PDB file of N, CA and C in Angstrom:
ATOM      1  N   MET A   1      -4.830  18.823 -16.033  1.00  0.00           N
ATOM      2  CA  MET A   1      -5.700  17.911 -16.319  1.00  0.00           C
ATOM      3  C   MET A   1      -5.626  16.824 -15.130  1.00  0.00           C
ATOM      4  N   ALA A   2      -4.077  16.418 -14.935  1.00  0.00           N
ATOM      5  CA  ALA A   2      -3.822  15.960 -14.094  1.00  0.00           C
ATOM      6  C   ALA A   2      -4.480  16.055 -12.619  1.00  0.00           C
ATOM      7  N   ASP A   3      -4.557  17.002 -12.059  1.00  0.00           N
ATOM      8  CA  ASP A   3      -5.275  17.288 -10.729  1.00  0.00           C
ATOM      9  C   ASP A   3      -6.634  17.188 -10.696  1.00  0.00           C
ATOM     10  N   HIS A   4      -7.483  16.412 -11.833  1.00  0.00           N
ATOM     11  CA  HIS A   4      -8.782  16.113 -11.878  1.00  0.00           C
ATOM     12  C   HIS A   4      -8.865  14.906 -11.944  1.00  0.00           C
ATOM     13  N   LEU A   5      -7.603  14.049 -11.595  1.00  0.00           N
ATOM     14  CA  LEU A   5      -7.658  12.330 -11.709  1.00  0.00           C
ATOM     15  C   LEU A   5      -7.419  11.987 -10.622  1.00  0.00           C
ATOM     16  N   ILE A   6      -7.891  10.885  -9.936  1.00  0.00           N
ATOM     17  CA  ILE A   6      -7.515  10.249  -8.787  1.00  0.00           C
ATOM     18  C   ILE A   6      -6.961   8.901  -9.249  1.00  0.00           C
ATOM     19  N   ARG A   7      -6.449   8.103  -8.634  1.00  0.00           N
ATOM     20  CA  ARG A   7      -5.792   6.769  -9.252  1.00  0.00           C
ATOM     21  C   ARG A   7      -5.842   6.019  -8.047  1.00  0.00           C
ATOM     22  N   ILE A   8      -6.808   4.724  -8.545  1.00  0.00           N
ATOM     23  CA  ILE A   8      -7.106   3.696  -8.072  1.00  0.00           C
ATOM     24  C   ILE A   8      -6.635   2.278  -8.471  1.00  0.00           C
ATOM     25  N   MET A   9      -6.509   1.207  -7.742  1.00  0.00           N
ATOM     26  CA  MET A   9      -5.923  -0.052  -8.201  1.00  0.00           C
ATOM     27  C   MET A   9      -7.500  -1.073  -8.289  1.00  0.00           C
ATOM     28  N   CYS A  10      -7.406  -1.507  -9.251  1.00  0.00           N
ATOM     29  CA  CYS A  10      -8.419  -2.636  -9.903  1.00  0.00           C
ATOM     30  C   CYS A  10      -8.462  -3.888  -8.362  1.00  0.00           C
ATOM     31  N   PRO A  11      -9.217  -4.097  -7.622  1.00  0.00           N
ATOM     32  CA  PRO A  11      -8.972  -5.322  -6.591  1.00  0.00           C
ATOM     33  C   PRO A  11      -8.933  -6.512  -6.867  1.00  0.00           C
ATOM     34  N   ASN A  12      -9.196  -7.263  -8.221  1.00  0.00           N
ATOM     35  CA  ASN A  12      -9.425  -8.196  -9.047  1.00  0.00           C
ATOM     36  C   ASN A  12      -7.670  -8.360  -8.945  1.00  0.00           C
ATOM     37  N   LEU A  13      -7.077  -9.385  -7.975  1.00  0.00           N
ATOM     38  CA  LEU A  13      -5.847 -10.022  -8.122  1.00  0.00           C
ATOM     39  C   LEU A  13      -5.303 -10.457  -9.204  1.00  0.00           C
ATOM     40  N   ALA A  14      -6.024 -10.997 -10.342  1.00  0.00           N
ATOM     41  CA  ALA A  14      -5.597 -11.460 -11.609  1.00  0.00           C
ATOM     42  C   ALA A  14      -5.276 -10.133 -12.358  1.00  0.00           C
ATOM     43  N   CYS A  15      -5.904  -8.784 -12.323  1.00  0.00           N
ATOM     44  CA  CYS A  15      -5.749  -7.779 -12.728  1.00  0.00           C
ATOM     45  C   CYS A  15      -4.673  -6.539 -12.346  1.00  0.00           C
ATOM     46  N   ARG A  16      -5.257  -6.362 -11.202  1.00  0.00           N
ATOM     47  CA  ARG A  16      -4.487  -5.091 -10.449  1.00  0.00           C
ATOM     48  C   ARG A  16      -4.182  -3.405 -11.433  1.00  0.00           C
ATOM     49  N   ARG A  17      -4.711  -3.784 -12.512  1.00  0.00           N
ATOM     50  CA  ARG A  17      -4.394  -2.587 -13.434  1.00  0.00           C
ATOM     51  C   ARG A  17      -4.844  -0.959 -12.361  1.00  0.00           C
ATOM     52  N   VAL A  18      -3.791  -0.339 -12.725  1.00  0.00           N
ATOM     53  CA  VAL A  18      -4.169   1.077 -12.024  1.00  0.00           C
ATOM     54  C   VAL A  18      -5.104   2.092 -13.045  1.00  0.00           C
ATOM     55  N   LEU A  19      -6.191   2.607 -12.390  1.00  0.00           N
ATOM     56  CA  LEU A  19      -6.962   3.158 -13.185  1.00  0.00           C
ATOM     57  C   LEU A  19      -6.985   4.658 -12.681  1.00  0.00           C
ATOM     58  N   ALA A  20      -7.034   5.594 -13.690  1.00  0.00           N
ATOM     59  CA  ALA A  20      -7.262   7.338 -13.620  1.00  0.00           C
ATOM     60  C   ALA A  20      -8.523   7.538 -13.562  1.00  0.00           C
ATOM     61  N   VAL A  21      -9.099   7.914 -12.612  1.00  0.00           N
ATOM     62  CA  VAL A  21     -10.683   7.988 -12.824  1.00  0.00           C
ATOM     63  C   VAL A  21     -11.009   9.769 -12.580  1.00  0.00           C
ATOM     64  N   PRO A  22     -11.516  10.226 -12.803  1.00  0.00           N
ATOM     65  CA  PRO A  22     -12.081  11.729 -12.602  1.00  0.00           C
ATOM     66  C   PRO A  22     -12.761  11.870 -11.371  1.00  0.00           C
ATOM     67  N   ILE A  23     -12.517  13.125 -10.538  1.00  0.00           N
ATOM     68  CA  ILE A  23     -12.500  13.275  -9.075  1.00  0.00           C
ATOM     69  C   ILE A  23     -14.177  13.479  -8.995  1.00  0.00           C
ATOM     70  N   THR A  24     -15.133  13.500  -9.996  1.00  0.00           N
ATOM     71  CA  THR A  24     -16.166  13.752  -9.764  1.00  0.00           C
ATOM     72  C   THR A  24     -16.879  11.950  -9.773  1.00  0.00           C
ATOM     73  N   ALA A  25     -15.684  11.050 -10.291  1.00  0.00           N
ATOM     74  CA  ALA A  25     -16.270   9.580  -9.937  1.00  0.00           C
ATOM     75  C   ALA A  25     -16.416   9.127  -8.117  1.00  0.00           C
ATOM     76  N   ARG A  26     -16.077   9.984  -7.319  1.00  0.00           N
ATOM     77  CA  ARG A  26     -15.714   9.657  -5.926  1.00  0.00           C
ATOM     78  C   ARG A  26     -17.219   9.156  -5.520  1.00  0.00           C
ATOM     79  N   GLY A  27     -17.090   7.874  -4.611  1.00  0.00           N
ATOM     80  CA  GLY A  27     -18.562   7.413  -4.099  1.00  0.00           C
ATOM     81  C   GLY A  27     -18.918   6.438  -5.499  1.00  0.00           C
ATOM     82  N   LYS A  28     -18.910   6.498  -6.546  1.00  0.00           N
ATOM     83  CA  LYS A  28     -19.525   6.015  -7.948  1.00  0.00           C
ATOM     84  C   LYS A  28     -18.765   4.843  -7.991  1.00  0.00           C
ATOM     85  N   ILE A  29     -19.245   3.641  -8.832  1.00  0.00           N
ATOM     86  CA  ILE A  29     -18.986   2.527  -9.295  1.00  0.00           C
ATOM     87  C   ILE A  29     -18.327   2.929 -10.725  1.00  0.00           C
ATOM     88  N   VAL A  30     -17.290   2.458 -11.179  1.00  0.00           N
ATOM     89  CA  VAL A  30     -16.442   2.657 -12.536  1.00  0.00           C
ATOM     90  C   VAL A  30     -16.232   1.046 -12.709  1.00  0.00           C
ATOM     91  N   LYS A  31     -16.444   0.624 -13.825  1.00  0.00           N
ATOM     92  CA  LYS A  31     -15.868  -0.699 -14.542  1.00  0.00           C
ATOM     93  C   LYS A  31     -14.377  -0.586 -15.095  1.00  0.00           C
ATOM     94  N   CYS A  32     -13.106  -1.604 -14.604  1.00  0.00           N
ATOM     95  CA  CYS A  32     -12.143  -1.652 -14.729  1.00  0.00           C
ATOM     96  C   CYS A  32     -11.909  -1.987 -16.474  1.00  0.00           C
ATOM     97  N   SER A  33     -10.864  -1.066 -17.185  1.00  0.00           N
ATOM     98  CA  SER A  33     -10.804  -1.248 -18.648  1.00  0.00           C
ATOM     99  C   SER A  33     -10.080  -2.766 -18.654  1.00  0.00           C
ATOM    100  N   GLY A  34      -9.593  -3.306 -17.623  1.00  0.00           N
ATOM    101  CA  GLY A  34      -8.338  -4.288 -18.207  1.00  0.00           C
ATOM    102  C   GLY A  34      -9.492  -5.690 -18.108  1.00  0.00           C
ATOM    103  N   CYS A  35     -10.249  -5.704 -16.954  1.00  0.00           N
ATOM    104  CA  CYS A  35     -11.122  -6.892 -16.460  1.00  0.00           C
ATOM    105  C   CYS A  35     -12.269  -6.765 -16.655  1.00  0.00           C
ATOM    106  N   GLY A  36     -13.342  -5.594 -16.490  1.00  0.00           N
ATOM    107  CA  GLY A  36     -14.700  -5.276 -16.513  1.00  0.00           C
ATOM    108  C   GLY A  36     -15.029  -5.412 -15.251  1.00  0.00           C
ATOM    109  N   LYS A  37     -13.996  -5.503 -14.417  1.00  0.00           N
ATOM    110  CA  LYS A  37     -14.925  -5.656 -12.652  1.00  0.00           C
ATOM    111  C   LYS A  37     -15.498  -4.088 -12.539  1.00  0.00           C
ATOM    112  N   ASN A  38     -16.550  -4.551 -11.826  1.00  0.00           N
ATOM    113  CA  ASN A  38     -16.875  -3.004 -11.139  1.00  0.00           C
ATOM    114  C   ASN A  38     -16.335  -2.578  -9.914  1.00  0.00           C
ATOM    115  N   VAL A  39     -15.871  -1.400  -9.913  1.00  0.00           N
ATOM    116  CA  VAL A  39     -14.882  -0.708  -8.979  1.00  0.00           C
ATOM    117  C   VAL A  39     -15.290   0.416  -8.037  1.00  0.00           C
ATOM    118  N   ARG A  40     -15.786   0.651  -6.926  1.00  0.00           N
ATOM    119  CA  ARG A  40     -16.316   1.441  -6.325  1.00  0.00           C
ATOM    120  C   ARG A  40     -14.925   2.469  -5.835  1.00  0.00           C
ATOM    121  N   VAL A  41     -15.019   3.760  -6.276  1.00  0.00           N
ATOM    122  CA  VAL A  41     -14.320   4.922  -6.085  1.00  0.00           C
ATOM    123  C   VAL A  41     -14.447   5.498  -4.764  1.00  0.00           C
ATOM    124  N   PRO A  42     -13.231   5.497  -4.193  1.00  0.00           N
ATOM    125  CA  PRO A  42     -13.614   5.815  -2.730  1.00  0.00           C
ATOM    126  C   PRO A  42     -13.976   7.266  -2.724  1.00  0.00           C
ATOM    127  N   GLN A  43     -14.632   7.434  -1.579  1.00  0.00           N
ATOM    128  CA  GLN A  43     -15.155   8.728  -1.165  1.00  0.00           C
ATOM    129  C   GLN A  43     -14.058   9.619  -0.894  1.00  0.00           C
ATOM    130  N   THR A  44     -13.413   9.190  -0.259  1.00  0.00           N
ATOM    131  CA  THR A  44     -12.322  10.533   0.148  1.00  0.00           C
ATOM    132  C   THR A  44     -10.967  10.230  -0.071  1.00  0.00           C
ATOM    133  N   THR A  45      -9.819  10.648  -0.028  1.00  0.00           N
ATOM    134  CA  THR A  45      -8.782  10.132   0.096  1.00  0.00           C
ATOM    135  C   THR A  45      -8.148   9.338   1.765  1.00  0.00           C
ATOM    136  N   VAL A  46      -7.598   8.662   1.508  1.00  0.00           N
ATOM    137  CA  VAL A  46      -7.020   8.133   3.177  1.00  0.00           C
ATOM    138  C   VAL A  46      -5.435   8.518   2.960  1.00  0.00           C
ATOM    139  N   PRO A  47      -5.336   9.618   4.236  1.00  0.00           N
ATOM    140  CA  PRO A  47      -3.991  10.043   4.483  1.00  0.00           C
ATOM    141  C   PRO A  47      -3.377   8.751   4.661  1.00  0.00           C
ATOM    142  N   PRO A  48      -1.383   8.892   4.649  1.00  0.00           N
ATOM    143  CA  PRO A  48      -0.798   7.908   5.015  1.00  0.00           C
ATOM    144  C   PRO A  48      -0.930   7.953   6.855  1.00  0.00           C
ATOM    145  N   ALA A  49      -0.745   6.613   7.065  1.00  0.00           N
ATOM    146  CA  ALA A  49      -0.352   6.296   8.883  1.00  0.00           C
ATOM    147  C   ALA A  49       0.575   6.915   9.033  1.00  0.00           C
ATOM    148  N   GLU A  50       0.916   7.587  10.167  1.00  0.00           N
ATOM    149  CA  GLU A  50       2.002   8.277  10.975  1.00  0.00           C
ATOM    150  C   GLU A  50       2.400   6.649  11.557  1.00  0.00           C
ATOM    151  N   PRO A  51       3.574   6.804  12.144  1.00  0.00           N
ATOM    152  CA  PRO A  51       4.131   5.474  13.068  1.00  0.00           C
ATOM    153  C   PRO A  51       3.612   6.118  14.533  1.00  0.00           C
ATOM    154  N   LYS A  52       3.339   5.274  15.166  1.00  0.00           N
ATOM    155  CA  LYS A  52       2.792   5.535  16.378  1.00  0.00           C
ATOM    156  C   LYS A  52       4.060   5.085  17.247  1.00  0.00           C
ATOM    157  N   LYS A  53       4.388   6.418  17.939  1.00  0.00           N
ATOM    158  CA  LYS A  53       5.442   6.137  19.143  1.00  0.00           C
ATOM    159  C   LYS A  53       4.971   5.687  20.359  1.00  0.00           C
ATOM    160  N   SER A  54       5.816   5.024  20.653  1.00  0.00           N
ATOM    161  CA  SER A  54       5.363   4.409  22.357  1.00  0.00           C
ATOM    162  C   SER A  54       5.492   5.187  23.513  1.00  0.00           C
ATOM    163  N   GLU A  55       4.883   5.262  24.564  1.00  0.00           N
ATOM    164  CA  GLU A  55       4.942   5.941  25.645  1.00  0.00           C
ATOM    165  C   GLU A  55       6.308   5.840  26.265  1.00  0.00           C
ATOM    166  N   ASP A  56       6.979   4.638  26.475  1.00  0.00           N
ATOM    167  CA  ASP A  56       7.976   4.514  26.887  1.00  0.00           C
ATOM    168  C   ASP A  56       9.286   4.966  26.202  1.00  0.00           C
ATOM    169  N   ALA A  57       9.317   5.241  25.295  1.00  0.00           N
ATOM    170  CA  ALA A  57      10.058   5.699  24.475  1.00  0.00           C
ATOM    171  C   ALA A  57      10.339   7.043  24.207  1.00  0.00           C
ATOM    172  N   ALA A  58       9.065   7.874  24.862  1.00  0.00           N
ATOM    173  CA  ALA A  58       8.719   9.058  25.059  1.00  0.00           C
ATOM    174  C   ALA A  58       9.144   9.634  26.203  1.00  0.00           C
ATOM    175  N   ALA A  59       9.188   8.533  27.232  1.00  0.00           N
ATOM    176  CA  ALA A  59       9.447   9.008  28.498  1.00  0.00           C
ATOM    177  C   ALA A  59      10.770   9.153  28.934  1.00  0.00           C
ATOM    178  N   GLY A  60      11.370   7.976  28.220  1.00  0.00           N
ATOM    179  CA  GLY A  60      12.880   8.042  28.503  1.00  0.00           C
ATOM    180  C   GLY A  60      13.902   8.479  27.787  1.00  0.00           C
TER     181      GLY A  60
END
């Protein structure tokens, strides 16, 4: 069942609770169970950023 959940963090700085929501909630708004704030679930996951290599380091 864990494969069918995504984890998001409440944007309320006083709460910051991690919410486990079903993948069917993508693009929808859910309510934080900790503070009651409405939280939009991201449509897609964002892959981690890769560190950029400078061209000077690659050339030399």
